Amino acid sequence: MPPSVLYTKIDAPPPEIIRSEGNYLETNDGRRIFDASGGAAVACLGHNDARVKEAIIAQLDKTAYVYSPFFTVPAAEEIATFLTESTNGAMSRVFIVSSGTEAIEAALKLARQYFTELPQPQLQRTRFIARRQSYHGNTLGSLAAGGHKARRAIYEPILAQNTSHVSPCYPYRDMWRDESEEEYVARLAQELENEFQRVGPETVCAFVAETMAGTTLGCVLAVPGYFKAIKEVCDRHGALLVLDEVMSGMGRTGTLHAWEQEGIVPDLQTIAKGLGGGYAPVGALLINSRVVDVLGQGSGRFTHSQTYQGHPIACATACAVQKIIRDDNLLQNVREQGAYLGQLLKERLAGHKHVGDVRGRGLFWALEFVKDKTTKESFPVTSGIAQRVHLTGLQAEHCISVIPGVGVADGKNGDIIQIAPAYNITRAEIEQIVERLEGVIEKVFAAL
């Protein structure tokens, strides 16, 4: 009998996981795979944490579901309060959804609504500016905002045409040899300014960017001063700054919010993966008090709703996960073990002739593979390097899972893998990750 599940690759069922515990996924054929990627940088506490399960059961015993436009529950109030307080009140309201994509959709809508509710409405603001080689979700609205060529390709004819894209902050490939960081930042800020002028500054709702780039670039840090310069451009033209921290937020880079390390505060912020750690589908939109105040003095409502917004189980799960991160001092562990992970990756793998760059922060690291280190020439996409590394890692002799990514160089070519383990990872486990990964990479490139 053929399978009923529509797999990502229809005729290739992925490994079947029958149990997970801590950092390990157990397959039905007996493999014990080290989950060094937390799925898609999600499982920030590892798998099967008893405290989270207890919180879920306790919430089920109280309330499993209410429709948030009609009712609220204590768990929703608690996680929202936790999140606003974590920003010292700069982000004063929270809209809780079920995924990062949904959070981006809500952000785009709220950015538009903000300008319709100003004392002097700016109804002409209908455009967004984002970055190439970015990813903000897979619904039509969020996909249109992103700049991932491969994921957009077949849907281009039905995507909204109100988003344009500028260069990402990608110093490994885009910073000129004789250019200082300050000059590079100034050049990117001027490019954004030029795009505002090209489309009409008065038409732009917001600039949308990942605070630390995810799989479409591979854990690329912003050059110091980049986001300050970008926010100055947005502020000059009255546009909002939307920061997508679905992958990089909630502790992944060593602080609860990645923007804390950039010296700015966004107008809208999206989070998801590390919020609930994979124990329930949950994401959120954090809203700056400046935006909330405009709505409060206008219609007094957000013209958007979803069936499962503020779901009690999801909220209780997020509360439990965030309490564990706080009580177990896991942000400190992310910083310490993340520094060690980066050190080992550079020591053991940066010298490999096909590893062009090792980059990251906290427990969010990537390797970019190249055909030639001197020219930074990428392997052609047909070589499938990143996917080979991923699939080789799942083999019994290695048993490690990492995230593959492609298109980082030009939207089509350019391979990376990401490592994003649980926040409670130990020093010995970091060493195990790097050792296994080294074996995988040697095998893949030896086969070429």
Protein backbone atom coordinates (compact mmCIF):
# COMPACT_ATOMS: atom_id res chain seq x y z
CA MET A 1 0.00 0.00 0.00
CA PRO A 2 1.51 3.39 -0.97
CA PRO A 3 2.09 6.01 1.76
CA SER A 4 -0.58 8.61 2.46
CA VAL A 5 1.77 11.38 3.60
CA LEU A 6 2.79 13.96 1.00
CA TYR A 7 6.53 13.95 1.72
CA THR A 8 8.77 16.82 0.67
CA LYS A 9 10.16 14.48 -1.95
CA ILE A 10 7.11 12.43 -2.86
CA ASP A 11 8.88 9.16 -3.61
CA ALA A 12 11.48 9.37 -0.83
CA PRO A 13 10.08 8.92 2.70
CA PRO A 14 12.45 10.46 5.27
CA PRO A 15 13.76 8.42 8.23
CA GLU A 16 10.98 7.47 10.63
CA ILE A 17 11.57 8.65 14.19
CA ILE A 18 10.00 6.42 16.83
CA ARG A 19 11.39 8.16 19.90
CA SER A 20 13.38 11.22 20.88
CA GLU A 21 15.26 11.96 24.09
CA GLY A 22 17.63 14.80 24.91
CA ASN A 23 19.79 15.43 21.84
CA TYR A 24 18.94 12.13 20.14
CA LEU A 25 16.40 10.94 17.58
CA GLU A 26 15.86 7.17 17.37
CA THR A 27 14.85 5.73 14.00
CA ASN A 28 12.79 2.63 13.28
CA ASP A 29 15.89 0.94 11.84
CA GLY A 30 17.92 1.38 15.01
CA ARG A 31 19.97 4.52 14.35
CA ARG A 32 20.50 7.03 17.17
CA ILE A 33 20.94 10.36 15.43
CA PHE A 34 22.49 13.35 17.22
CA ASP A 35 20.16 16.26 16.50
CA ALA A 36 22.79 18.97 16.06
CA SER A 37 20.33 21.25 14.26
CA GLY A 38 17.38 21.10 16.65
CA GLY A 39 15.29 20.21 13.61
CA ALA A 40 15.18 23.63 11.95
CA ALA A 41 16.88 25.42 14.88
CA VAL A 42 13.77 24.72 16.96
CA ALA A 43 14.45 22.17 19.73
CA CYS A 44 16.23 24.58 22.05
CA LEU A 45 15.78 22.31 25.11
CA GLY A 46 16.34 19.06 23.27
CA HIS A 47 13.61 16.45 23.20
CA ASN A 48 11.21 14.98 25.76
CA ASP A 49 11.71 17.41 28.64
CA ALA A 50 9.49 16.24 31.51
CA ARG A 51 8.86 19.79 32.80
CA VAL A 52 7.41 20.96 29.51
CA LYS A 53 5.22 17.86 29.24
CA GLU A 54 3.87 18.48 32.74
CA ALA A 55 2.99 22.07 31.82
CA ILE A 56 1.14 20.89 28.71
CA ILE A 57 -0.85 18.32 30.68
CA ALA A 58 -1.67 20.87 33.38
CA GLN A 59 -3.03 23.26 30.72
CA LEU A 60 -5.06 20.46 29.11
CA ASP A 61 -6.67 19.88 32.49
CA LYS A 62 -7.72 23.55 32.56
CA THR A 63 -8.54 24.76 29.04
CA ALA A 64 -7.54 23.19 25.74
CA TYR A 65 -8.94 25.86 23.40
CA VAL A 66 -10.68 29.21 23.35
CA TYR A 67 -11.13 31.63 20.48
CA SER A 68 -8.88 34.54 21.38
CA PRO A 69 -11.02 37.35 19.94
CA PHE A 70 -13.73 36.21 22.40
CA PHE A 71 -11.71 35.03 25.43
CA THR A 72 -8.28 35.08 27.03
CA VAL A 73 -6.55 32.59 29.33
CA PRO A 74 -3.92 33.05 32.08
CA ALA A 75 -1.22 31.31 30.01
CA ALA A 76 -1.62 33.84 27.18
CA GLU A 77 -1.42 36.75 29.61
CA GLU A 78 1.65 35.22 31.26
CA ILE A 79 3.72 34.64 28.14
CA ALA A 80 2.79 38.02 26.70
CA THR A 81 3.83 39.75 29.92
CA PHE A 82 7.08 37.80 29.99
CA LEU A 83 7.89 38.88 26.43
CA THR A 84 7.09 42.57 26.91
CA GLU A 85 9.08 42.67 30.16
CA SER A 86 12.01 40.99 28.40
CA THR A 87 12.25 44.13 26.22
CA ASN A 88 11.94 46.49 29.21
CA GLY A 89 8.55 47.51 27.84
CA ALA A 90 9.88 48.78 24.49
CA MET A 91 7.73 46.16 22.79
CA SER A 92 4.49 46.69 24.68
CA ARG A 93 2.04 44.21 23.13
CA VAL A 94 2.23 40.64 21.81
CA PHE A 95 0.13 38.84 19.20
CA ILE A 96 0.51 35.08 19.60
CA VAL A 97 0.23 32.82 16.55
CA SER A 98 1.20 29.28 15.54
CA SER A 99 4.29 29.81 13.36
CA GLY A 100 6.91 32.26 12.21
CA THR A 101 5.26 32.61 8.84
CA GLU A 102 2.01 33.64 10.50
CA ALA A 103 3.91 36.17 12.61
CA ILE A 104 5.37 37.72 9.44
CA GLU A 105 1.93 37.86 7.81
CA ALA A 106 0.62 39.66 10.89
CA ALA A 107 3.60 42.05 10.85
CA LEU A 108 3.02 43.02 7.22
CA LYS A 109 -0.66 43.65 7.89
CA LEU A 110 0.00 45.64 11.05
CA ALA A 111 2.63 47.76 9.32
CA ARG A 112 0.06 48.70 6.70
CA GLN A 113 -2.66 49.33 9.28
CA TYR A 114 -0.34 51.57 11.29
CA PHE A 115 -0.15 54.08 8.44
CA THR A 116 -3.90 54.04 7.85
CA GLU A 117 -4.47 54.95 11.52
CA LEU A 118 -2.08 57.87 11.90
CA PRO A 119 -3.77 61.19 12.79
CA GLN A 120 -3.07 62.10 9.17
CA PRO A 121 -3.41 58.73 7.39
CA GLN A 122 -0.76 57.86 4.83
CA LEU A 123 -2.78 55.57 2.59
CA GLN A 124 -0.17 55.67 -0.17
CA ARG A 125 2.17 53.51 1.94
CA THR A 126 1.71 50.08 0.39
CA ARG A 127 5.27 48.94 -0.33
CA PHE A 128 7.94 46.98 1.54
CA ILE A 129 11.68 46.75 1.09
CA ALA A 130 13.52 43.57 2.09
CA ARG A 131 16.82 41.89 1.22
CA ARG A 132 17.92 39.44 -1.41
CA GLN A 133 18.78 35.90 -0.22
CA SER A 134 16.32 36.29 2.65
CA TYR A 135 13.50 34.10 3.86
CA HIS A 136 10.44 35.20 5.80
CA GLY A 137 7.99 32.31 5.35
CA ASN A 138 6.10 30.30 2.78
CA THR A 139 2.62 31.80 2.56
CA LEU A 140 2.10 34.05 -0.44
CA GLY A 141 2.49 37.25 1.58
CA SER A 142 5.60 36.20 3.48
CA LEU A 143 7.13 34.55 0.41
CA ALA A 144 6.71 37.80 -1.50
CA ALA A 145 8.56 39.64 1.25
CA GLY A 146 11.46 37.17 1.17
CA GLY A 147 14.18 37.04 -1.44
CA HIS A 148 14.70 33.28 -1.72
CA LYS A 149 14.80 32.74 -5.49
CA ALA A 150 14.26 28.98 -5.50
CA ARG A 151 11.29 29.03 -3.14
CA ARG A 152 9.70 31.95 -5.00
CA ALA A 153 10.33 30.66 -8.51
CA ILE A 154 7.16 28.81 -9.53
CA TYR A 155 4.95 31.18 -7.54
CA GLU A 156 6.31 34.45 -8.97
CA PRO A 157 3.22 35.02 -11.17
CA ILE A 158 0.92 34.98 -8.13
CA LEU A 159 3.13 36.82 -5.63
CA ALA A 160 2.39 40.41 -4.65
CA GLN A 161 4.60 42.89 -6.50
CA ASN A 162 4.84 45.48 -3.71
CA THR A 163 8.17 44.31 -2.25
CA SER A 164 11.57 45.20 -3.69
CA HIS A 165 14.91 43.86 -2.52
CA VAL A 166 18.32 45.32 -1.73
CA SER A 167 21.64 43.63 -0.92
CA PRO A 168 22.01 41.61 2.26
CA CYS A 169 24.76 42.38 4.75
CA TYR A 170 27.09 39.58 3.60
CA PRO A 171 30.71 40.60 4.14
CA TYR A 172 32.24 37.24 3.12
CA ARG A 173 31.14 37.73 -0.48
CA ASP A 174 30.03 41.34 -0.85
CA MET A 175 32.51 43.45 1.11
CA TRP A 176 35.20 44.86 -1.18
CA ARG A 177 38.80 43.86 -0.49
CA ASP A 178 39.97 47.39 0.30
CA GLU A 179 36.75 48.42 2.06
CA SER A 180 36.50 49.03 5.81
CA GLU A 181 33.47 47.87 7.79
CA GLU A 182 32.39 51.49 8.18
CA GLU A 183 32.57 52.03 4.43
CA TYR A 184 30.66 48.80 3.77
CA VAL A 185 27.90 49.86 6.17
CA ALA A 186 27.71 53.29 4.53
CA ARG A 187 27.43 51.66 1.09
CA LEU A 188 24.58 49.38 2.19
CA ALA A 189 22.77 52.26 3.88
CA GLN A 190 23.11 54.34 0.72
CA GLU A 191 21.74 51.45 -1.34
CA LEU A 192 18.69 51.35 0.92
CA GLU A 193 18.33 55.13 0.67
CA ASN A 194 18.51 54.87 -3.10
CA GLU A 195 15.77 52.23 -3.10
CA PHE A 196 13.53 54.45 -0.96
CA GLN A 197 14.04 57.21 -3.50
CA ARG A 198 13.45 54.90 -6.47
CA VAL A 199 10.06 53.63 -5.24
CA GLY A 200 9.08 56.86 -3.48
CA PRO A 201 9.85 57.27 0.25
CA GLU A 202 6.22 58.14 0.96
CA THR A 203 5.07 54.72 -0.37
CA VAL A 204 7.13 52.46 1.91
CA CYS A 205 5.56 50.82 4.97
CA ALA A 206 8.62 49.05 6.29
CA PHE A 207 12.04 47.53 5.78
CA VAL A 208 12.05 43.82 6.66
CA ALA A 209 15.22 41.94 7.61
CA GLU A 210 16.46 38.95 9.60
CA THR A 211 18.51 40.27 12.52
CA MET A 212 20.92 37.39 11.95
CA ALA A 213 20.45 35.72 8.59
CA GLY A 214 19.12 32.16 8.64
CA THR A 215 19.43 29.32 6.16
CA THR A 216 19.29 31.48 3.02
CA LEU A 217 22.68 33.00 3.90
CA GLY A 218 23.85 30.79 6.75
CA CYS A 219 24.23 32.49 10.14
CA VAL A 220 25.62 35.76 8.78
CA LEU A 221 26.24 38.38 11.45
CA ALA A 222 25.50 42.00 10.68
CA VAL A 223 28.62 44.15 10.42
CA PRO A 224 28.89 46.42 13.49
CA GLY A 225 26.78 49.53 12.99
CA TYR A 226 24.75 48.08 10.11
CA PHE A 227 21.36 48.03 11.81
CA LYS A 228 21.87 51.45 13.37
CA ALA A 229 22.54 52.85 9.91
CA ILE A 230 19.57 51.00 8.40
CA LYS A 231 17.24 52.22 11.14
CA GLU A 232 18.37 55.78 10.53
CA VAL A 233 17.31 55.47 6.90
CA CYS A 234 13.90 54.06 7.93
CA ASP A 235 13.38 56.75 10.56
CA ARG A 236 14.32 59.49 8.12
CA HIS A 237 11.49 58.42 5.83
CA GLY A 238 8.98 57.49 8.53
CA ALA A 239 9.03 53.78 7.63
CA LEU A 240 8.91 50.99 10.19
CA LEU A 241 11.70 48.50 10.87
CA VAL A 242 10.52 44.87 11.01
CA LEU A 243 13.07 42.40 12.39
CA ASP A 244 12.52 38.72 11.69
CA GLU A 245 13.93 36.71 14.60
CA VAL A 246 11.98 33.55 13.92
CA MET A 247 15.24 31.57 13.69
CA SER A 248 17.76 33.79 15.48
CA GLY A 249 15.63 34.98 18.39
CA MET A 250 14.65 33.70 21.84
CA GLY A 251 18.18 32.93 22.94
CA ARG A 252 19.70 31.28 19.87
CA THR A 253 22.45 33.92 19.50
CA GLY A 254 23.15 34.32 23.22
CA THR A 255 20.61 36.98 24.18
CA LEU A 256 16.87 36.52 24.33
CA HIS A 257 16.42 38.97 21.45
CA ALA A 258 19.12 39.12 18.79
CA TRP A 259 18.58 42.88 18.36
CA GLU A 260 19.88 43.45 21.90
CA GLN A 261 23.38 42.98 20.45
CA GLU A 262 22.80 45.53 17.67
CA GLY A 263 22.02 48.61 19.76
CA ILE A 264 18.57 49.23 18.26
CA VAL A 265 14.93 48.39 19.00
CA PRO A 266 12.63 47.38 16.11
CA ASP A 267 9.09 48.59 15.52
CA LEU A 268 7.85 45.05 14.92
CA GLN A 269 9.58 41.77 15.75
CA THR A 270 8.68 38.19 14.85
CA ILE A 271 9.69 35.15 16.90
CA ALA A 272 8.82 31.46 16.82
CA LYS A 273 11.25 28.54 16.91
CA GLY A 274 12.92 29.04 20.29
CA LEU A 275 9.71 30.34 21.83
CA GLY A 276 8.17 26.89 22.30
CA GLY A 277 11.16 24.70 21.53
CA GLY A 278 9.13 22.47 19.22
CA TYR A 279 6.84 21.21 21.97
CA ALA A 280 3.91 23.06 20.40
CA PRO A 281 3.44 25.17 17.25
CA VAL A 282 3.82 28.74 18.50
CA GLY A 283 5.10 32.08 17.26
CA ALA A 284 4.49 35.70 18.10
CA LEU A 285 4.57 39.26 16.84
CA LEU A 286 6.04 41.77 19.30
CA ILE A 287 4.82 45.33 18.77
CA ASN A 288 6.63 48.51 19.74
CA SER A 289 4.74 50.89 21.99
CA ARG A 290 4.96 53.53 19.26
CA VAL A 291 2.82 51.35 16.97
CA VAL A 292 0.46 50.28 19.75
CA ASP A 293 -0.17 53.91 20.70
CA VAL A 294 -1.26 54.79 17.16
CA LEU A 295 -3.75 51.93 17.08
CA GLY A 296 -4.97 52.80 20.55
CA GLN A 297 -5.71 56.35 19.50
CA GLY A 298 -7.25 55.18 16.24
CA SER A 299 -9.57 52.22 15.73
CA GLY A 300 -8.46 50.53 18.95
CA ARG A 301 -8.19 47.15 17.25
CA PHE A 302 -5.97 45.02 15.02
CA THR A 303 -7.79 44.17 11.81
CA HIS A 304 -6.57 40.58 11.66
CA SER A 305 -7.36 37.31 13.43
CA GLN A 306 -6.59 33.60 13.22
CA THR A 307 -8.46 30.57 14.53
CA TYR A 308 -5.58 29.38 16.70
CA GLN A 309 -4.09 32.70 17.81
CA GLY A 310 -3.20 32.66 21.49
CA HIS A 311 -3.84 28.91 21.72
CA PRO A 312 -3.82 27.93 25.43
CA ILE A 313 -1.63 24.83 24.97
CA ALA A 314 0.87 26.76 22.86
CA CYS A 315 0.99 29.59 25.40
CA ALA A 316 1.47 27.22 28.34
CA THR A 317 4.23 25.46 26.41
CA ALA A 318 6.02 28.72 25.68
CA CYS A 319 5.76 29.73 29.35
CA ALA A 320 7.34 26.45 30.44
CA VAL A 321 10.16 26.62 27.89
CA GLN A 322 11.04 30.21 28.76
CA LYS A 323 11.03 29.49 32.50
CA ILE A 324 13.47 26.61 31.96
CA ILE A 325 15.75 28.84 29.87
CA ARG A 326 15.69 31.42 32.66
CA ASP A 327 15.91 29.10 35.69
CA ASP A 328 18.65 26.89 34.22
CA ASN A 329 20.68 29.96 33.12
CA LEU A 330 20.76 28.63 29.59
CA LEU A 331 21.54 31.94 27.88
CA GLN A 332 24.92 31.90 29.63
CA ASN A 333 25.43 28.34 28.42
CA VAL A 334 24.55 29.40 24.87
CA ARG A 335 27.25 32.06 25.01
CA GLU A 336 29.89 29.81 26.57
CA GLN A 337 29.28 26.66 24.55
CA GLY A 338 28.64 28.70 21.42
CA ALA A 339 32.07 30.28 21.70
CA TYR A 340 33.57 26.81 22.13
CA LEU A 341 31.63 25.45 19.15
CA GLY A 342 32.89 28.30 16.98
CA GLN A 343 36.46 27.76 18.19
CA LEU A 344 36.40 24.04 17.38
CA LEU A 345 34.75 24.52 13.99
CA LYS A 346 37.45 27.00 13.02
CA GLU A 347 40.28 24.85 14.40
CA ARG A 348 39.11 21.59 12.84
CA LEU A 349 37.33 22.64 9.66
CA ALA A 350 38.30 26.15 8.55
CA GLY A 351 41.46 24.79 6.96
CA HIS A 352 39.60 22.32 4.74
CA LYS A 353 40.11 23.24 1.11
CA HIS A 354 36.37 23.33 0.45
CA VAL A 355 35.30 25.24 3.60
CA GLY A 356 35.26 28.87 2.55
CA ASP A 357 33.86 30.45 5.69
CA VAL A 358 32.98 29.51 9.27
CA ARG A 359 30.63 32.01 10.90
CA GLY A 360 28.08 32.38 13.65
CA ARG A 361 27.24 33.52 17.15
CA GLY A 362 25.86 31.74 20.18
CA LEU A 363 24.63 28.27 19.20
CA PHE A 364 23.96 29.34 15.61
CA TRP A 365 26.85 28.47 13.29
CA ALA A 366 27.33 27.74 9.60
CA LEU A 367 29.96 26.46 7.21
CA GLU A 368 29.95 27.74 3.65
CA PHE A 369 31.41 25.34 1.10
CA VAL A 370 33.29 26.52 -1.98
CA LYS A 371 34.90 24.91 -4.98
CA ASP A 372 37.86 27.28 -4.76
CA LYS A 373 38.82 29.12 -1.56
CA THR A 374 40.85 31.80 -3.31
CA THR A 375 38.16 32.89 -5.76
CA LYS A 376 35.23 31.84 -3.49
CA GLU A 377 33.71 30.09 -6.48
CA SER A 378 30.71 28.02 -5.41
CA PHE A 379 29.91 24.50 -6.46
CA PRO A 380 27.11 24.46 -9.04
CA VAL A 381 23.71 23.79 -7.56
CA THR A 382 23.58 20.50 -9.48
CA SER A 383 26.37 19.14 -7.26
CA GLY A 384 24.00 19.17 -4.28
CA ILE A 385 26.84 19.57 -1.79
CA ALA A 386 24.79 20.73 1.20
CA GLN A 387 22.23 17.97 0.73
CA ARG A 388 25.02 15.40 0.39
CA VAL A 389 26.45 16.52 3.72
CA HIS A 390 23.03 16.31 5.34
CA LEU A 391 22.22 12.84 3.97
CA THR A 392 25.70 11.48 4.68
CA GLY A 393 25.36 12.68 8.26
CA LEU A 394 22.23 10.57 8.71
CA GLN A 395 24.07 7.39 7.76
CA ALA A 396 24.75 4.86 10.52
CA GLU A 397 28.50 5.51 10.66
CA HIS A 398 27.97 9.21 11.47
CA CYS A 399 24.43 9.67 12.90
CA ILE A 400 24.30 13.46 13.01
CA SER A 401 21.66 15.84 11.66
CA VAL A 402 22.50 19.34 10.38
CA ILE A 403 20.55 21.86 8.28
CA PRO A 404 21.49 22.10 4.58
CA GLY A 405 21.06 25.33 2.64
CA VAL A 406 21.65 26.31 -0.97
CA GLY A 407 21.68 29.52 -3.02
CA VAL A 408 23.64 31.64 -0.56
CA ALA A 409 26.07 32.99 -3.17
CA ASP A 410 23.66 34.28 -5.79
CA GLY A 411 20.22 32.90 -5.00
CA LYS A 412 20.91 29.69 -6.91
CA ASN A 413 24.45 28.46 -6.21
CA GLY A 414 26.30 28.34 -2.92
CA ASP A 415 26.07 25.64 -0.23
CA ILE A 416 26.01 25.91 3.56
CA ILE A 417 25.17 23.74 6.52
CA GLN A 418 23.96 25.08 9.85
CA ILE A 419 24.61 23.76 13.34
CA ALA A 420 22.05 24.81 15.95
CA PRO A 421 22.03 22.46 18.96
CA ALA A 422 20.01 22.67 22.16
CA TYR A 423 20.77 25.46 24.61
CA ASN A 424 21.65 22.92 27.35
CA ILE A 425 24.40 21.30 25.25
CA THR A 426 27.57 20.34 27.12
CA ARG A 427 31.23 20.84 26.25
CA ALA A 428 31.66 17.11 25.61
CA GLU A 429 28.66 17.11 23.26
CA ILE A 430 30.08 20.08 21.34
CA GLU A 431 33.25 18.05 20.79
CA GLN A 432 31.14 15.12 19.62
CA ILE A 433 29.30 17.31 17.09
CA VAL A 434 32.50 18.64 15.56
CA GLU A 435 34.14 15.21 15.46
CA ARG A 436 31.16 13.65 13.67
CA LEU A 437 30.84 16.60 11.32
CA GLU A 438 34.50 16.40 10.41
CA GLY A 439 34.05 12.76 9.42
CA VAL A 440 30.99 13.59 7.32
CA ILE A 441 32.73 16.38 5.42
CA GLU A 442 35.80 14.26 4.73
CA LYS A 443 33.63 11.47 3.32
CA VAL A 444 31.53 13.79 1.12
CA PHE A 445 34.47 15.56 -0.48
CA ALA A 446 36.54 12.41 -0.81
CA ALA A 447 33.71 11.02 -2.94
CA LEU A 448 33.97 13.99 -5.32
